[in-house]
C-alpha atoms as a PDB file:
ATOM      1  CA  MET A   1       0.000   0.000   0.000  1.00  0.00           C
ATOM      2  CA  SER A   2       1.426   3.338  -1.027  1.00  0.00           C
ATOM      3  CA  MET A   3       1.613   6.377   1.176  1.00  0.00           C
ATOM      4  CA  MET A   4      -0.991   8.138  -0.971  1.00  0.00           C
ATOM      5  CA  ASP A   5      -3.439   5.256  -0.420  1.00  0.00           C
ATOM      6  CA  LYS A   6      -2.951   5.579   3.335  1.00  0.00           C
ATOM      7  CA  ILE A   7      -3.564   9.319   3.210  1.00  0.00           C
ATOM      8  CA  LYS A   8      -6.677   8.833   1.085  1.00  0.00           C
ATOM      9  CA  GLY A   9      -7.992   6.345   3.628  1.00  0.00           C
ATOM     10  CA  LEU A  10      -7.470   8.813   6.457  1.00  0.00           C
ATOM     11  CA  LEU A  11      -9.169  11.656   4.570  1.00  0.00           C
ATOM     12  CA  LYS A  12     -12.213   9.679   3.469  1.00  0.00           C
ATOM     13  CA  GLY A  13     -15.264  11.431   4.864  1.00  0.00           C
ATOM     14  CA  HIS A  14     -13.292  14.554   5.810  1.00  0.00           C
ATOM     15  CA  GLU A  15     -12.860  16.144   2.407  1.00  0.00           C
ATOM     16  CA  GLU A  16     -14.170  19.552   3.473  1.00  0.00           C
ATOM     17  CA  GLN A  17     -11.723  19.830   6.370  1.00  0.00           C
ATOM     18  CA  ALA A  18      -8.869  18.668   4.138  1.00  0.00           C
ATOM     19  CA  GLY A  19      -9.773  21.331   1.580  1.00  0.00           C
ATOM     20  CA  LYS A  20      -9.674  23.987   4.272  1.00  0.00           C
ATOM     21  CA  GLY A  21      -6.281  22.657   5.352  1.00  0.00           C
ATOM     22  CA  ILE A  22      -4.954  22.917   1.807  1.00  0.00           C
ATOM     23  CA  ASP A  23      -6.069  26.553   1.659  1.00  0.00           C
ATOM     24  CA  LYS A  24      -4.648  27.408   5.086  1.00  0.00           C
ATOM     25  CA  GLY A  25      -1.357  25.688   4.326  1.00  0.00           C
ATOM     26  CA  GLY A  26      -0.969  27.572   1.076  1.00  0.00           C
ATOM     27  CA  ASP A  27      -1.821  30.869   2.740  1.00  0.00           C
ATOM     28  CA  TYR A  28       0.759  30.178   5.460  1.00  0.00           C
ATOM     29  CA  VAL A  29       3.504  29.437   2.941  1.00  0.00           C
ATOM     30  CA  ASP A  30       2.605  32.560   0.955  1.00  0.00           C
ATOM     31  CA  GLN A  31       2.747  34.644   4.118  1.00  0.00           C
ATOM     32  CA  ARG A  32       6.089  33.224   5.242  1.00  0.00           C
ATOM     33  CA  THR A  33       7.683  33.644   1.810  1.00  0.00           C
ATOM     34  CA  GLN A  34       6.053  37.038   1.182  1.00  0.00           C
ATOM     35  CA  ASP A  35       4.305  35.606  -1.910  1.00  0.00           C
ATOM     36  CA  LYS A  36       7.661  34.880  -3.550  1.00  0.00           C
ATOM     37  CA  TYR A  37       6.508  31.396  -4.545  1.00  0.00           C
ATOM     38  CA  SER A  38       2.782  32.029  -4.876  1.00  0.00           C
ATOM     39  CA  GLY A  39       2.624  30.512  -8.379  1.00  0.00           C
ATOM     40  CA  GLN A  40       4.177  27.271  -7.213  1.00  0.00           C
ATOM     41  CA  VAL A  41       1.997  27.218  -4.091  1.00  0.00           C
ATOM     42  CA  ASP A  42      -1.140  27.706  -6.193  1.00  0.00           C
ATOM     43  CA  THR A  43      -0.074  24.853  -8.475  1.00  0.00           C
ATOM     44  CA  ALA A  44       0.524  22.569  -5.500  1.00  0.00           C
ATOM     45  CA  GLN A  45      -2.849  23.474  -4.005  1.00  0.00           C
ATOM     46  CA  GLN A  46      -4.602  22.719  -7.288  1.00  0.00           C
ATOM     47  CA  ARG A  47      -2.860  19.374  -7.638  1.00  0.00           C
ATOM     48  CA  LEU A  48      -3.895  18.423  -4.114  1.00  0.00           C
ATOM     49  CA  ARG A  49      -7.506  19.402  -4.874  1.00  0.00           C
ATOM     50  CA  ASP A  50      -7.387  17.375  -8.102  1.00  0.00           C
ATOM     51  CA  GLU A  51      -6.091  14.381  -6.164  1.00  0.00           C
ATOM     52  CA  MET A  52      -8.916  14.745  -3.653  1.00  0.00           C
ATOM     53  CA  ASP A  53     -11.439  14.962  -6.513  1.00  0.00           C
ATOM     54  CA  SER A  54     -10.073  11.741  -7.990  1.00  0.00           C
ATOM     55  CA  MET A  55     -10.465  10.188  -4.558  1.00  0.00           C
ATOM     56  CA  ASP A  56     -14.159  11.179  -4.577  1.00  0.00           C
ATOM     57  CA  ARG A  57     -14.707   9.688  -8.055  1.00  0.00           C
ATOM     58  CA  GLY A  58     -12.877   6.482  -7.332  1.00  0.00           C
ATOM     59  CA  GLN A  59     -10.188   4.963  -9.476  1.00  0.00           C
ATOM     60  CA  ASP A  60     -12.542   3.236 -11.908  1.00  0.00           C
ATOM     61  CA  GLU A  61     -14.276   6.374 -13.142  1.00  0.00           C
ATOM     62  CA  PRO A  62     -12.779   8.569 -15.869  1.00  0.00           C
ATOM     63  CA  PRO A  63     -11.684  12.118 -15.037  1.00  0.00           C
ATOM     64  CA  ARG A  64     -14.223  14.921 -15.438  1.00  0.00           C
END
């Protein structure tokens, strides 16, 4: 079992809280770096949201 599978198992049913955590984490990094890496932070946040969306769909369904 991969690390990502373990994380997905822990987040199942708590997607809203995880989404808030992604936003807060990105905001914290932006604040600490004075928005120097805001583009990269935004990309990372989007990839995490996409991964959570794929978790909601399941692995058998095609992407939206």
